[in-house]
Amino acid sequence: MRTLILSLLLAFSVAAQAGQTLRIGQRVLTVGDTTTRAITLLGTPGYKEPVENKFGARVGERWQYARDDGHVVVLTIVDGKVGDIDDRRE
């Protein structure tokens, strides 16, 4: 029984981690990577917008990239690190 529960928890954790990565060629960008790594892999963002909390204080930025394969990648940057990766179809 413990083995089954452990296996299920492991499967869910792997699935959750897979949603927070982005493959760029043979390299991978992961939540927690630095902005320098993001720029090295994806280049300069086509659009940047501030992210603010409910009081209007700036807490980060949202960077948008248009990819050649029809995807739009949106990175949320917080404290100089990638906080979220959203890979969307146009």
C-alpha atoms as a PDB file:
ATOM      1  CA  MET A   1       0.000   0.000   0.000  1.00  0.00           C
ATOM      2  CA  ARG A   2       2.826   2.416   0.859  1.00  0.00           C
ATOM      3  CA  THR A   3       4.495   1.643  -2.447  1.00  0.00           C
ATOM      4  CA  LEU A   4       1.312   2.489  -4.359  1.00  0.00           C
ATOM      5  CA  ILE A   5       0.878   5.808  -2.542  1.00  0.00           C
ATOM      6  CA  LEU A   6       4.546   6.689  -3.008  1.00  0.00           C
ATOM      7  CA  SER A   7       4.323   5.840  -6.718  1.00  0.00           C
ATOM      8  CA  LEU A   8       1.263   8.055  -7.173  1.00  0.00           C
ATOM      9  CA  LEU A   9       2.871  10.975  -5.350  1.00  0.00           C
ATOM     10  CA  LEU A  10       5.998  10.632  -7.440  1.00  0.00           C
ATOM     11  CA  ALA A  11       3.968  10.555 -10.667  1.00  0.00           C
ATOM     12  CA  PHE A  12       2.101  13.738  -9.711  1.00  0.00           C
ATOM     13  CA  SER A  13       5.282  15.564  -8.734  1.00  0.00           C
ATOM     14  CA  VAL A  14       6.929  14.710 -12.061  1.00  0.00           C
ATOM     15  CA  ALA A  15       3.859  15.970 -13.939  1.00  0.00           C
ATOM     16  CA  ALA A  16       3.888  19.224 -11.960  1.00  0.00           C
ATOM     17  CA  GLN A  17       7.578  19.785 -12.685  1.00  0.00           C
ATOM     18  CA  ALA A  18       7.109  19.130 -16.410  1.00  0.00           C
ATOM     19  CA  GLY A  19       4.671  22.071 -16.610  1.00  0.00           C
ATOM     20  CA  GLN A  20       7.341  24.460 -15.351  1.00  0.00           C
ATOM     21  CA  THR A  21       9.938  23.845 -18.036  1.00  0.00           C
ATOM     22  CA  LEU A  22      10.409  24.983 -21.613  1.00  0.00           C
ATOM     23  CA  ARG A  23      12.540  23.176 -24.168  1.00  0.00           C
ATOM     24  CA  ILE A  24      14.540  25.417 -26.509  1.00  0.00           C
ATOM     25  CA  GLY A  25      16.384  23.170 -28.936  1.00  0.00           C
ATOM     26  CA  GLN A  26      18.444  20.821 -26.786  1.00  0.00           C
ATOM     27  CA  ARG A  27      18.396  23.137 -23.763  1.00  0.00           C
ATOM     28  CA  VAL A  28      15.737  23.553 -21.076  1.00  0.00           C
ATOM     29  CA  LEU A  29      14.573  26.666 -19.243  1.00  0.00           C
ATOM     30  CA  THR A  30      13.185  25.926 -15.781  1.00  0.00           C
ATOM     31  CA  VAL A  31      11.342  27.949 -13.160  1.00  0.00           C
ATOM     32  CA  GLY A  32      14.032  29.318 -10.852  1.00  0.00           C
ATOM     33  CA  ASP A  33      16.559  29.967 -13.635  1.00  0.00           C
ATOM     34  CA  THR A  34      18.069  33.453 -13.814  1.00  0.00           C
ATOM     35  CA  THR A  35      16.992  36.147 -16.239  1.00  0.00           C
ATOM     36  CA  THR A  36      20.454  35.924 -17.803  1.00  0.00           C
ATOM     37  CA  ARG A  37      19.806  32.283 -18.716  1.00  0.00           C
ATOM     38  CA  ALA A  38      16.367  33.181 -20.121  1.00  0.00           C
ATOM     39  CA  ILE A  39      17.889  35.889 -22.322  1.00  0.00           C
ATOM     40  CA  THR A  40      20.698  33.539 -23.408  1.00  0.00           C
ATOM     41  CA  LEU A  41      18.174  30.884 -24.494  1.00  0.00           C
ATOM     42  CA  LEU A  42      15.346  33.053 -25.865  1.00  0.00           C
ATOM     43  CA  GLY A  43      16.948  36.418 -26.640  1.00  0.00           C
ATOM     44  CA  THR A  44      15.527  39.828 -25.823  1.00  0.00           C
ATOM     45  CA  PRO A  45      11.778  39.737 -25.138  1.00  0.00           C
ATOM     46  CA  GLY A  46       9.507  41.317 -27.732  1.00  0.00           C
ATOM     47  CA  TYR A  47       7.368  42.889 -25.020  1.00  0.00           C
ATOM     48  CA  LYS A  48       7.738  43.543 -21.300  1.00  0.00           C
ATOM     49  CA  GLU A  49       5.031  44.600 -18.866  1.00  0.00           C
ATOM     50  CA  PRO A  50       5.172  45.234 -15.128  1.00  0.00           C
ATOM     51  CA  VAL A  51       3.450  42.900 -12.681  1.00  0.00           C
ATOM     52  CA  GLU A  52       1.909  44.726  -9.734  1.00  0.00           C
ATOM     53  CA  ASN A  53       0.292  43.575  -6.509  1.00  0.00           C
ATOM     54  CA  LYS A  54      -3.166  44.768  -5.442  1.00  0.00           C
ATOM     55  CA  PHE A  55      -1.645  47.925  -3.919  1.00  0.00           C
ATOM     56  CA  GLY A  56       0.100  48.926  -7.149  1.00  0.00           C
ATOM     57  CA  ALA A  57       3.606  48.012  -6.017  1.00  0.00           C
ATOM     58  CA  ARG A  58       5.765  46.462  -8.699  1.00  0.00           C
ATOM     59  CA  VAL A  59       6.571  42.827  -7.881  1.00  0.00           C
ATOM     60  CA  GLY A  60       8.026  41.650 -11.182  1.00  0.00           C
ATOM     61  CA  GLU A  61       7.733  41.687 -14.953  1.00  0.00           C
ATOM     62  CA  ARG A  62       6.039  39.614 -17.623  1.00  0.00           C
ATOM     63  CA  TRP A  63       8.188  38.965 -20.694  1.00  0.00           C
ATOM     64  CA  GLN A  64       6.621  37.838 -23.993  1.00  0.00           C
ATOM     65  CA  TYR A  65       8.367  36.004 -26.805  1.00  0.00           C
ATOM     66  CA  ALA A  66       6.886  35.128 -30.210  1.00  0.00           C
ATOM     67  CA  ARG A  67       8.405  31.810 -31.327  1.00  0.00           C
ATOM     68  CA  ASP A  68       8.780  30.681 -34.947  1.00  0.00           C
ATOM     69  CA  ASP A  69       6.608  27.605 -34.358  1.00  0.00           C
ATOM     70  CA  GLY A  70       3.472  29.683 -33.625  1.00  0.00           C
ATOM     71  CA  HIS A  71       3.842  29.686 -29.858  1.00  0.00           C
ATOM     72  CA  VAL A  72       3.903  32.688 -27.580  1.00  0.00           C
ATOM     73  CA  VAL A  73       6.008  32.158 -24.469  1.00  0.00           C
ATOM     74  CA  VAL A  74       5.252  34.337 -21.447  1.00  0.00           C
ATOM     75  CA  LEU A  75       7.785  34.363 -18.619  1.00  0.00           C
ATOM     76  CA  THR A  76       6.979  35.922 -15.271  1.00  0.00           C
ATOM     77  CA  ILE A  77      10.149  37.344 -13.735  1.00  0.00           C
ATOM     78  CA  VAL A  78      10.324  37.867  -9.969  1.00  0.00           C
ATOM     79  CA  ASP A  79      13.492  38.953  -8.140  1.00  0.00           C
ATOM     80  CA  GLY A  80      15.672  38.319 -11.185  1.00  0.00           C
ATOM     81  CA  LYS A  81      14.486  34.734 -11.643  1.00  0.00           C
ATOM     82  CA  VAL A  82      11.907  32.947 -13.782  1.00  0.00           C
ATOM     83  CA  GLY A  83       8.822  32.558 -11.586  1.00  0.00           C
ATOM     84  CA  ASP A  84       6.438  31.056 -14.161  1.00  0.00           C
ATOM     85  CA  ILE A  85       6.511  29.787 -17.741  1.00  0.00           C
ATOM     86  CA  ASP A  86       3.400  29.910 -19.934  1.00  0.00           C
ATOM     87  CA  ASP A  87       3.723  28.419 -23.437  1.00  0.00           C
ATOM     88  CA  ARG A  88       0.664  29.362 -25.525  1.00  0.00           C
ATOM     89  CA  ARG A  89      -0.495  28.736 -29.075  1.00  0.00           C
ATOM     90  CA  GLU A  90      -1.373  31.913 -30.977  1.00  0.00           C
END
